Amino acid sequence: MIRKPAAIEIVIFFYALYVTFTLALEPSLFSKIDNDVYKGYVNLLGSQSSLLHISLSVAIFYLIGFFTKRPILKLAVNTIGFFYFGIVTSSFLLNYPNLG
């Protein structure tokens, strides 16, 4: 049975899905955009292919985590999501410091 996810879990899950589907449909999308946020985001993770795989992994981990009530698994999934979301946030804050 699915448990009730927290709001931040839903946000990270859908953001990871957004990035996954966007890069699956257009693998070179971020290289076409002349925007420092996306360049910084890809530079932090190495390449757009690794960004696709990391985002897909995070989405799958959260999907599995939605169907479990084991605290250790939820902790592991949320830790992975925290670091993923931290990378996203740091990329935005480094490129747009007036947002912080």
PDB file of N, CA and C in Angstrom:
ATOM      1  N   MET A   1       0.843  -1.185   0.000  1.00  0.00           N
ATOM      2  CA  MET A   1       0.000   0.000   0.000  1.00  0.00           C
ATOM      3  C   MET A   1       0.889   1.250   0.000  1.00  0.00           C
ATOM      4  N   ILE A   2       0.493   2.241  -0.709  1.00  0.00           N
ATOM      5  CA  ILE A   2       1.278   3.471  -0.788  1.00  0.00           C
ATOM      6  C   ILE A   2       1.079   4.295   0.485  1.00  0.00           C
ATOM      7  N   ARG A   3       2.180   4.856   0.948  1.00  0.00           N
ATOM      8  CA  ARG A   3       2.101   5.723   2.119  1.00  0.00           C
ATOM      9  C   ARG A   3       1.906   7.164   1.651  1.00  0.00           C
ATOM     10  N   LYS A   4       1.546   8.028   2.572  1.00  0.00           N
ATOM     11  CA  LYS A   4       1.370   9.438   2.225  1.00  0.00           C
ATOM     12  C   LYS A   4       2.744  10.114   2.201  1.00  0.00           C
ATOM     13  N   PRO A   5       3.202  10.531   1.026  1.00  0.00           N
ATOM     14  CA  PRO A   5       4.519  11.161   0.949  1.00  0.00           C
ATOM     15  C   PRO A   5       4.486  12.606   1.442  1.00  0.00           C
ATOM     16  N   ALA A   6       5.637  13.051   1.904  1.00  0.00           N
ATOM     17  CA  ALA A   6       5.781  14.446   2.319  1.00  0.00           C
ATOM     18  C   ALA A   6       5.841  15.327   1.072  1.00  0.00           C
ATOM     19  N   ALA A   7       5.582  16.594   1.258  1.00  0.00           N
ATOM     20  CA  ALA A   7       5.557  17.533   0.128  1.00  0.00           C
ATOM     21  C   ALA A   7       6.913  17.605  -0.570  1.00  0.00           C
ATOM     22  N   ILE A   8       8.003  17.615   0.189  1.00  0.00           N
ATOM     23  CA  ILE A   8       9.327  17.709  -0.424  1.00  0.00           C
ATOM     24  C   ILE A   8       9.644  16.452  -1.221  1.00  0.00           C
ATOM     25  N   GLU A   9       9.137  15.310  -0.787  1.00  0.00           N
ATOM     26  CA  GLU A   9       9.341  14.080  -1.545  1.00  0.00           C
ATOM     27  C   GLU A   9       8.643  14.155  -2.902  1.00  0.00           C
ATOM     28  N   ILE A  10       7.466  14.706  -2.917  1.00  0.00           N
ATOM     29  CA  ILE A  10       6.723  14.855  -4.170  1.00  0.00           C
ATOM     30  C   ILE A  10       7.439  15.831  -5.100  1.00  0.00           C
ATOM     31  N   VAL A  11       7.933  16.923  -4.545  1.00  0.00           N
ATOM     32  CA  VAL A  11       8.642  17.926  -5.351  1.00  0.00           C
ATOM     33  C   VAL A  11       9.894  17.323  -5.984  1.00  0.00           C
ATOM     34  N   ILE A  12      10.703  16.631  -5.185  1.00  0.00           N
ATOM     35  CA  ILE A  12      11.936  16.049  -5.712  1.00  0.00           C
ATOM     36  C   ILE A  12      11.621  14.961  -6.736  1.00  0.00           C
ATOM     37  N   PHE A  13      10.618  14.138  -6.453  1.00  0.00           N
ATOM     38  CA  PHE A  13      10.230  13.069  -7.377  1.00  0.00           C
ATOM     39  C   PHE A  13       9.820  13.638  -8.732  1.00  0.00           C
ATOM     40  N   PHE A  14       8.949  14.632  -8.729  1.00  0.00           N
ATOM     41  CA  PHE A  14       8.483  15.179 -10.003  1.00  0.00           C
ATOM     42  C   PHE A  14       9.561  15.999 -10.708  1.00  0.00           C
ATOM     43  N   TYR A  15      10.449  16.646  -9.968  1.00  0.00           N
ATOM     44  CA  TYR A  15      11.542  17.364 -10.624  1.00  0.00           C
ATOM     45  C   TYR A  15      12.496  16.372 -11.289  1.00  0.00           C
ATOM     46  N   ALA A  16      12.778  15.268 -10.598  1.00  0.00           N
ATOM     47  CA  ALA A  16      13.647  14.244 -11.189  1.00  0.00           C
ATOM     48  C   ALA A  16      12.998  13.642 -12.435  1.00  0.00           C
ATOM     49  N   LEU A  17      11.683  13.424 -12.391  1.00  0.00           N
ATOM     50  CA  LEU A  17      10.976  12.929 -13.580  1.00  0.00           C
ATOM     51  C   LEU A  17      11.027  13.941 -14.720  1.00  0.00           C
ATOM     52  N   TYR A  18      10.854  15.210 -14.383  1.00  0.00           N
ATOM     53  CA  TYR A  18      10.915  16.272 -15.397  1.00  0.00           C
ATOM     54  C   TYR A  18      12.268  16.267 -16.106  1.00  0.00           C
ATOM     55  N   VAL A  19      13.338  16.215 -15.337  1.00  0.00           N
ATOM     56  CA  VAL A  19      14.676  16.222 -15.931  1.00  0.00           C
ATOM     57  C   VAL A  19      14.894  14.951 -16.748  1.00  0.00           C
ATOM     58  N   THR A  20      14.445  13.816 -16.224  1.00  0.00           N
ATOM     59  CA  THR A  20      14.611  12.545 -16.934  1.00  0.00           C
ATOM     60  C   THR A  20      13.900  12.557 -18.281  1.00  0.00           C
ATOM     61  N   PHE A  21      12.632  12.933 -18.288  1.00  0.00           N
ATOM     62  CA  PHE A  21      11.882  12.933 -19.546  1.00  0.00           C
ATOM     63  C   PHE A  21      12.389  13.992 -20.514  1.00  0.00           C
ATOM     64  N   THR A  22      12.791  15.133 -20.001  1.00  0.00           N
ATOM     65  CA  THR A  22      13.312  16.185 -20.869  1.00  0.00           C
ATOM     66  C   THR A  22      14.579  15.729 -21.572  1.00  0.00           C
ATOM     67  N   LEU A  23      15.502  15.131 -20.815  1.00  0.00           N
ATOM     68  CA  LEU A  23      16.752  14.692 -21.421  1.00  0.00           C
ATOM     69  C   LEU A  23      16.586  13.413 -22.232  1.00  0.00           C
ATOM     70  N   ALA A  24      15.575  12.611 -21.933  1.00  0.00           N
ATOM     71  CA  ALA A  24      15.323  11.417 -22.743  1.00  0.00           C
ATOM     72  C   ALA A  24      14.793  11.808 -24.121  1.00  0.00           C
ATOM     73  N   LEU A  25      13.979  12.838 -24.173  1.00  0.00           N
ATOM     74  CA  LEU A  25      13.434  13.287 -25.453  1.00  0.00           C
ATOM     75  C   LEU A  25      14.441  14.089 -26.267  1.00  0.00           C
ATOM     76  N   GLU A  26      15.261  14.869 -25.591  1.00  0.00           N
ATOM     77  CA  GLU A  26      16.251  15.708 -26.271  1.00  0.00           C
ATOM     78  C   GLU A  26      17.554  15.661 -25.470  1.00  0.00           C
ATOM     79  N   PRO A  27      18.431  14.682 -25.763  1.00  0.00           N
ATOM     80  CA  PRO A  27      19.644  14.493 -24.956  1.00  0.00           C
ATOM     81  C   PRO A  27      20.612  15.673 -24.947  1.00  0.00           C
ATOM     82  N   SER A  28      20.555  16.536 -25.939  1.00  0.00           N
ATOM     83  CA  SER A  28      21.479  17.674 -25.976  1.00  0.00           C
ATOM     84  C   SER A  28      20.764  18.989 -25.686  1.00  0.00           C
ATOM     85  N   LEU A  29      19.667  18.919 -24.969  1.00  0.00           N
ATOM     86  CA  LEU A  29      18.847  20.110 -24.738  1.00  0.00           C
ATOM     87  C   LEU A  29      19.600  21.188 -23.970  1.00  0.00           C
ATOM     88  N   PHE A  30      20.254  20.819 -22.879  1.00  0.00           N
ATOM     89  CA  PHE A  30      20.896  21.822 -22.042  1.00  0.00           C
ATOM     90  C   PHE A  30      22.094  22.462 -22.729  1.00  0.00           C
ATOM     91  N   SER A  31      22.719  21.770 -23.670  1.00  0.00           N
ATOM     92  CA  SER A  31      23.844  22.383 -24.382  1.00  0.00           C
ATOM     93  C   SER A  31      23.358  23.411 -25.400  1.00  0.00           C
ATOM     94  N   LYS A  32      22.091  23.324 -25.797  1.00  0.00           N
ATOM     95  CA  LYS A  32      21.529  24.298 -26.743  1.00  0.00           C
ATOM     96  C   LYS A  32      21.109  25.591 -26.055  1.00  0.00           C
ATOM     97  N   ILE A  33      20.873  25.529 -24.756  1.00  0.00           N
ATOM     98  CA  ILE A  33      20.410  26.694 -24.008  1.00  0.00           C
ATOM     99  C   ILE A  33      21.620  27.494 -23.548  1.00  0.00           C
ATOM    100  N   ASP A  34      21.634  28.769 -23.851  1.00  0.00           N
ATOM    101  CA  ASP A  34      22.729  29.632 -23.408  1.00  0.00           C
ATOM    102  C   ASP A  34      22.340  30.258 -22.070  1.00  0.00           C
ATOM    103  N   ASN A  35      22.365  29.423 -21.035  1.00  0.00           N
ATOM    104  CA  ASN A  35      21.947  29.845 -19.708  1.00  0.00           C
ATOM    105  C   ASN A  35      22.941  29.302 -18.695  1.00  0.00           C
ATOM    106  N   ASP A  36      23.415  30.154 -17.810  1.00  0.00           N
ATOM    107  CA  ASP A  36      24.413  29.743 -16.836  1.00  0.00           C
ATOM    108  C   ASP A  36      23.896  28.702 -15.855  1.00  0.00           C
ATOM    109  N   VAL A  37      22.613  28.720 -15.550  1.00  0.00           N
ATOM    110  CA  VAL A  37      22.056  27.750 -14.602  1.00  0.00           C
ATOM    111  C   VAL A  37      22.217  26.337 -15.144  1.00  0.00           C
ATOM    112  N   TYR A  38      21.835  26.121 -16.375  1.00  0.00           N
ATOM    113  CA  TYR A  38      21.916  24.780 -16.948  1.00  0.00           C
ATOM    114  C   TYR A  38      23.357  24.360 -17.185  1.00  0.00           C
ATOM    115  N   LYS A  39      24.209  25.295 -17.570  1.00  0.00           N
ATOM    116  CA  LYS A  39      25.625  24.972 -17.741  1.00  0.00           C
ATOM    117  C   LYS A  39      26.251  24.578 -16.406  1.00  0.00           C
ATOM    118  N   GLY A  40      25.939  25.325 -15.355  1.00  0.00           N
ATOM    119  CA  GLY A  40      26.452  24.986 -14.028  1.00  0.00           C
ATOM    120  C   GLY A  40      25.915  23.660 -13.529  1.00  0.00           C
ATOM    121  N   TYR A  41      24.658  23.402 -13.802  1.00  0.00           N
ATOM    122  CA  TYR A  41      24.005  22.155 -13.402  1.00  0.00           C
ATOM    123  C   TYR A  41      24.684  20.957 -14.057  1.00  0.00           C
ATOM    124  N   VAL A  42      24.940  21.048 -15.349  1.00  0.00           N
ATOM    125  CA  VAL A  42      25.591  19.957 -16.068  1.00  0.00           C
ATOM    126  C   VAL A  42      27.053  19.846 -15.652  1.00  0.00           C
ATOM    127  N   ASN A  43      27.722  20.967 -15.416  1.00  0.00           N
ATOM    128  CA  ASN A  43      29.116  20.923 -14.984  1.00  0.00           C
ATOM    129  C   ASN A  43      29.274  20.247 -13.631  1.00  0.00           C
ATOM    130  N   LEU A  44      28.326  20.431 -12.734  1.00  0.00           N
ATOM    131  CA  LEU A  44      28.396  19.776 -11.428  1.00  0.00           C
ATOM    132  C   LEU A  44      28.274  18.262 -11.544  1.00  0.00           C
ATOM    133  N   LEU A  45      27.500  17.791 -12.492  1.00  0.00           N
ATOM    134  CA  LEU A  45      27.235  16.356 -12.607  1.00  0.00           C
ATOM    135  C   LEU A  45      28.054  15.671 -13.695  1.00  0.00           C
ATOM    136  N   GLY A  46      28.819  16.398 -14.456  1.00  0.00           N
ATOM    137  CA  GLY A  46      29.709  15.797 -15.435  1.00  0.00           C
ATOM    138  C   GLY A  46      29.230  15.905 -16.869  1.00  0.00           C
ATOM    139  N   SER A  47      28.074  15.338 -17.158  1.00  0.00           N
ATOM    140  CA  SER A  47      27.543  15.393 -18.516  1.00  0.00           C
ATOM    141  C   SER A  47      26.026  15.281 -18.462  1.00  0.00           C
ATOM    142  N   GLN A  48      25.397  15.514 -19.594  1.00  0.00           N
ATOM    143  CA  GLN A  48      23.939  15.411 -19.641  1.00  0.00           C
ATOM    144  C   GLN A  48      23.484  13.960 -19.520  1.00  0.00           C
ATOM    145  N   SER A  49      24.302  13.040 -19.996  1.00  0.00           N
ATOM    146  CA  SER A  49      23.966  11.624 -19.863  1.00  0.00           C
ATOM    147  C   SER A  49      23.980  11.193 -18.398  1.00  0.00           C
ATOM    148  N   SER A  50      24.984  11.641 -17.663  1.00  0.00           N
ATOM    149  CA  SER A  50      25.019  11.300 -16.235  1.00  0.00           C
ATOM    150  C   SER A  50      23.886  11.989 -15.485  1.00  0.00           C
ATOM    151  N   LEU A  51      23.528  13.179 -15.891  1.00  0.00           N
ATOM    152  CA  LEU A  51      22.392  13.872 -15.284  1.00  0.00           C
ATOM    153  C   LEU A  51      21.099  13.098 -15.523  1.00  0.00           C
ATOM    154  N   LEU A  52      20.927  12.564 -16.723  1.00  0.00           N
ATOM    155  CA  LEU A  52      19.756  11.742 -17.035  1.00  0.00           C
ATOM    156  C   LEU A  52      19.712  10.500 -16.147  1.00  0.00           C
ATOM    157  N   HIS A  53      20.830   9.809 -16.012  1.00  0.00           N
ATOM    158  CA  HIS A  53      20.863   8.588 -15.210  1.00  0.00           C
ATOM    159  C   HIS A  53      20.678   8.869 -13.718  1.00  0.00           C
ATOM    160  N   ILE A  54      21.260   9.928 -13.230  1.00  0.00           N
ATOM    161  CA  ILE A  54      21.090  10.289 -11.820  1.00  0.00           C
ATOM    162  C   ILE A  54      19.641  10.665 -11.542  1.00  0.00           C
ATOM    163  N   SER A  55      19.044  11.448 -12.413  1.00  0.00           N
ATOM    164  CA  SER A  55      17.646  11.854 -12.223  1.00  0.00           C
ATOM    165  C   SER A  55      16.710  10.656 -12.291  1.00  0.00           C
ATOM    166  N   LEU A  56      16.960   9.752 -13.219  1.00  0.00           N
ATOM    167  CA  LEU A  56      16.141   8.543 -13.315  1.00  0.00           C
ATOM    168  C   LEU A  56      16.286   7.688 -12.063  1.00  0.00           C
ATOM    169  N   SER A  57      17.501   7.563 -11.562  1.00  0.00           N
ATOM    170  CA  SER A  57      17.731   6.787 -10.337  1.00  0.00           C
ATOM    171  C   SER A  57      17.009   7.399  -9.146  1.00  0.00           C
ATOM    172  N   VAL A  58      17.089   8.700  -9.015  1.00  0.00           N
ATOM    173  CA  VAL A  58      16.403   9.379  -7.908  1.00  0.00           C
ATOM    174  C   VAL A  58      14.894   9.171  -8.006  1.00  0.00           C
ATOM    175  N   ALA A  59      14.340   9.286  -9.201  1.00  0.00           N
ATOM    176  CA  ALA A  59      12.895   9.079  -9.380  1.00  0.00           C
ATOM    177  C   ALA A  59      12.495   7.646  -9.034  1.00  0.00           C
ATOM    178  N   ILE A  60      13.293   6.672  -9.445  1.00  0.00           N
ATOM    179  CA  ILE A  60      12.991   5.268  -9.134  1.00  0.00           C
ATOM    180  C   ILE A  60      13.097   5.015  -7.637  1.00  0.00           C
ATOM    181  N   PHE A  61      14.128   5.562  -6.999  1.00  0.00           N
ATOM    182  CA  PHE A  61      14.272   5.393  -5.544  1.00  0.00           C
ATOM    183  C   PHE A  61      13.069   5.964  -4.809  1.00  0.00           C
ATOM    184  N   TYR A  62      12.613   7.129  -5.228  1.00  0.00           N
ATOM    185  CA  TYR A  62      11.442   7.725  -4.576  1.00  0.00           C
ATOM    186  C   TYR A  62      10.182   6.908  -4.839  1.00  0.00           C
ATOM    187  N   LEU A  63      10.035   6.398  -6.045  1.00  0.00           N
ATOM    188  CA  LEU A  63       8.867   5.577  -6.353  1.00  0.00           C
ATOM    189  C   LEU A  63       8.844   4.326  -5.473  1.00  0.00           C
ATOM    190  N   ILE A  64       9.982   3.695  -5.300  1.00  0.00           N
ATOM    191  CA  ILE A  64      10.070   2.543  -4.398  1.00  0.00           C
ATOM    192  C   ILE A  64       9.794   2.975  -2.965  1.00  0.00           C
ATOM    193  N   GLY A  65      10.334   4.118  -2.576  1.00  0.00           N
ATOM    194  CA  GLY A  65      10.142   4.621  -1.217  1.00  0.00           C
ATOM    195  C   GLY A  65       8.699   4.960  -0.889  1.00  0.00           C
ATOM    196  N   PHE A  66       7.913   5.300  -1.892  1.00  0.00           N
ATOM    197  CA  PHE A  66       6.495   5.605  -1.657  1.00  0.00           C
ATOM    198  C   PHE A  66       5.710   4.368  -1.230  1.00  0.00           C
ATOM    199  N   PHE A  67       6.217   3.191  -1.558  1.00  0.00           N
ATOM    200  CA  PHE A  67       5.491   1.959  -1.273  1.00  0.00           C
ATOM    201  C   PHE A  67       6.058   1.181  -0.091  1.00  0.00           C
ATOM    202  N   THR A  68       6.927   1.789   0.669  1.00  0.00           N
ATOM    203  CA  THR A  68       7.487   1.101   1.826  1.00  0.00           C
ATOM    204  C   THR A  68       7.281   1.922   3.088  1.00  0.00           C
ATOM    205  N   LYS A  69       7.231   1.215   4.183  1.00  0.00           N
ATOM    206  CA  LYS A  69       7.108   1.894   5.470  1.00  0.00           C
ATOM    207  C   LYS A  69       8.346   1.659   6.329  1.00  0.00           C
ATOM    208  N   ARG A  70       9.377   1.084   5.750  1.00  0.00           N
ATOM    209  CA  ARG A  70      10.616   0.827   6.484  1.00  0.00           C
ATOM    210  C   ARG A  70      11.372   2.137   6.671  1.00  0.00           C
ATOM    211  N   PRO A  71      11.654   2.482   7.916  1.00  0.00           N
ATOM    212  CA  PRO A  71      12.307   3.776   8.173  1.00  0.00           C
ATOM    213  C   PRO A  71      13.712   3.889   7.584  1.00  0.00           C
ATOM    214  N   ILE A  72      14.466   2.799   7.560  1.00  0.00           N
ATOM    215  CA  ILE A  72      15.831   2.853   7.026  1.00  0.00           C
ATOM    216  C   ILE A  72      15.802   3.141   5.522  1.00  0.00           C
ATOM    217  N   LEU A  73      14.892   2.506   4.815  1.00  0.00           N
ATOM    218  CA  LEU A  73      14.786   2.753   3.379  1.00  0.00           C
ATOM    219  C   LEU A  73      14.317   4.174   3.094  1.00  0.00           C
ATOM    220  N   LYS A  74      13.357   4.655   3.871  1.00  0.00           N
ATOM    221  CA  LYS A  74      12.897   6.043   3.691  1.00  0.00           C
ATOM    222  C   LYS A  74      14.033   7.022   3.978  1.00  0.00           C
ATOM    223  N   LEU A  75      14.838   6.723   5.004  1.00  0.00           N
ATOM    224  CA  LEU A  75      15.978   7.581   5.331  1.00  0.00           C
ATOM    225  C   LEU A  75      16.987   7.594   4.188  1.00  0.00           C
ATOM    226  N   ALA A  76      17.273   6.427   3.628  1.00  0.00           N
ATOM    227  CA  ALA A  76      18.232   6.347   2.526  1.00  0.00           C
ATOM    228  C   ALA A  76      17.731   7.107   1.300  1.00  0.00           C
ATOM    229  N   VAL A  77      16.466   6.921   0.961  1.00  0.00           N
ATOM    230  CA  VAL A  77      15.890   7.602  -0.206  1.00  0.00           C
ATOM    231  C   VAL A  77      15.884   9.110   0.006  1.00  0.00           C
ATOM    232  N   ASN A  78      15.501   9.551   1.186  1.00  0.00           N
ATOM    233  CA  ASN A  78      15.469  10.989   1.451  1.00  0.00           C
ATOM    234  C   ASN A  78      16.865  11.591   1.506  1.00  0.00           C
ATOM    235  N   THR A  79      17.861  10.823   1.932  1.00  0.00           N
ATOM    236  CA  THR A  79      19.245  11.311   1.917  1.00  0.00           C
ATOM    237  C   THR A  79      19.722  11.499   0.480  1.00  0.00           C
ATOM    238  N   ILE A  80      19.430  10.524  -0.371  1.00  0.00           N
ATOM    239  CA  ILE A  80      19.783  10.647  -1.790  1.00  0.00           C
ATOM    240  C   ILE A  80      19.069  11.849  -2.407  1.00  0.00           C
ATOM    241  N   GLY A  81      17.791  11.984  -2.111  1.00  0.00           N
ATOM    242  CA  GLY A  81      17.021  13.119  -2.619  1.00  0.00           C
ATOM    243  C   GLY A  81      17.530  14.448  -2.104  1.00  0.00           C
ATOM    244  N   PHE A  82      17.973  14.468  -0.844  1.00  0.00           N
ATOM    245  CA  PHE A  82      18.525  15.691  -0.262  1.00  0.00           C
ATOM    246  C   PHE A  82      19.765  16.137  -1.030  1.00  0.00           C
ATOM    247  N   PHE A  83      20.664  15.202  -1.329  1.00  0.00           N
ATOM    248  CA  PHE A  83      21.873  15.564  -2.067  1.00  0.00           C
ATOM    249  C   PHE A  83      21.551  15.975  -3.507  1.00  0.00           C
ATOM    250  N   TYR A  84      20.613  15.295  -4.133  1.00  0.00           N
ATOM    251  CA  TYR A  84      20.195  15.655  -5.493  1.00  0.00           C
ATOM    252  C   TYR A  84      19.603  17.062  -5.505  1.00  0.00           C
ATOM    253  N   PHE A  85      18.700  17.318  -4.586  1.00  0.00           N
ATOM    254  CA  PHE A  85      18.079  18.638  -4.510  1.00  0.00           C
ATOM    255  C   PHE A  85      19.108  19.697  -4.107  1.00  0.00           C
ATOM    256  N   GLY A  86      20.085  19.317  -3.295  1.00  0.00           N
ATOM    257  CA  GLY A  86      21.165  20.234  -2.925  1.00  0.00           C
ATOM    258  C   GLY A  86      22.001  20.642  -4.119  1.00  0.00           C
ATOM    259  N   ILE A  87      22.255  19.700  -5.011  1.00  0.00           N
ATOM    260  CA  ILE A  87      23.002  20.015  -6.231  1.00  0.00           C
ATOM    261  C   ILE A  87      22.209  20.976  -7.106  1.00  0.00           C
ATOM    262  N   VAL A  88      20.910  20.727  -7.225  1.00  0.00           N
ATOM    263  CA  VAL A  88      20.054  21.614  -8.011  1.00  0.00           C
ATOM    264  C   VAL A  88      20.053  23.015  -7.404  1.00  0.00           C
ATOM    265  N   THR A  89      19.858  23.084  -6.105  1.00  0.00           N
ATOM    266  CA  THR A  89      19.794  24.373  -5.413  1.00  0.00           C
ATOM    267  C   THR A  89      21.120  25.111  -5.482  1.00  0.00           C
ATOM    268  N   SER A  90      22.221  24.395  -5.258  1.00  0.00           N
ATOM    269  CA  SER A  90      23.522  25.069  -5.301  1.00  0.00           C
ATOM    270  C   SER A  90      23.820  25.589  -6.698  1.00  0.00           C
ATOM    271  N   SER A  91      23.405  24.866  -7.719  1.00  0.00           N
ATOM    272  CA  SER A  91      23.611  25.339  -9.084  1.00  0.00           C
ATOM    273  C   SER A  91      22.869  26.646  -9.331  1.00  0.00           C
ATOM    274  N   PHE A  92      21.626  26.712  -8.859  1.00  0.00           N
ATOM    275  CA  PHE A  92      20.847  27.941  -9.034  1.00  0.00           C
ATOM    276  C   PHE A  92      21.433  29.087  -8.203  1.00  0.00           C
ATOM    277  N   LEU A  93      21.836  28.810  -6.973  1.00  0.00           N
ATOM    278  CA  LEU A  93      22.352  29.878  -6.118  1.00  0.00           C
ATOM    279  C   LEU A  93      23.718  30.380  -6.573  1.00  0.00           C
ATOM    280  N   LEU A  94      24.546  29.488  -7.134  1.00  0.00           N
ATOM    281  CA  LEU A  94      25.847  29.924  -7.623  1.00  0.00           C
ATOM    282  C   LEU A  94      25.717  30.785  -8.874  1.00  0.00           C
ATOM    283  N   ASN A  95      24.711  30.498  -9.681  1.00  0.00           N
ATOM    284  CA  ASN A  95      24.527  31.264 -10.911  1.00  0.00           C
ATOM    285  C   ASN A  95      23.670  32.503 -10.716  1.00  0.00           C
ATOM    286  N   TYR A  96      22.808  32.472  -9.719  1.00  0.00           N
ATOM    287  CA  TYR A  96      21.948  33.618  -9.408  1.00  0.00           C
ATOM    288  C   TYR A  96      22.006  33.905  -7.908  1.00  0.00           C
ATOM    289  N   PRO A  97      23.093  34.531  -7.427  1.00  0.00           N
ATOM    290  CA  PRO A  97      23.251  34.742  -5.983  1.00  0.00           C
ATOM    291  C   PRO A  97      22.194  35.661  -5.373  1.00  0.00           C
ATOM    292  N   ASN A  98      21.519  36.467  -6.161  1.00  0.00           N
ATOM    293  CA  ASN A  98      20.498  37.353  -5.604  1.00  0.00           C
ATOM    294  C   ASN A  98      19.229  36.587  -5.219  1.00  0.00           C
ATOM    295  N   LEU A  99      19.104  35.301  -5.607  1.00  0.00           N
ATOM    296  CA  LEU A  99      17.960  34.488  -5.197  1.00  0.00           C
ATOM    297  C   LEU A  99      18.042  34.099  -3.726  1.00  0.00           C
ATOM    298  N   GLY A 100      19.269  33.961  -3.204  1.00  0.00           N
ATOM    299  CA  GLY A 100      19.448  33.515  -1.812  1.00  0.00           C
ATOM    300  C   GLY A 100      19.260  34.659  -0.912  1.00  0.00           C
TER     301      GLY A 100
END
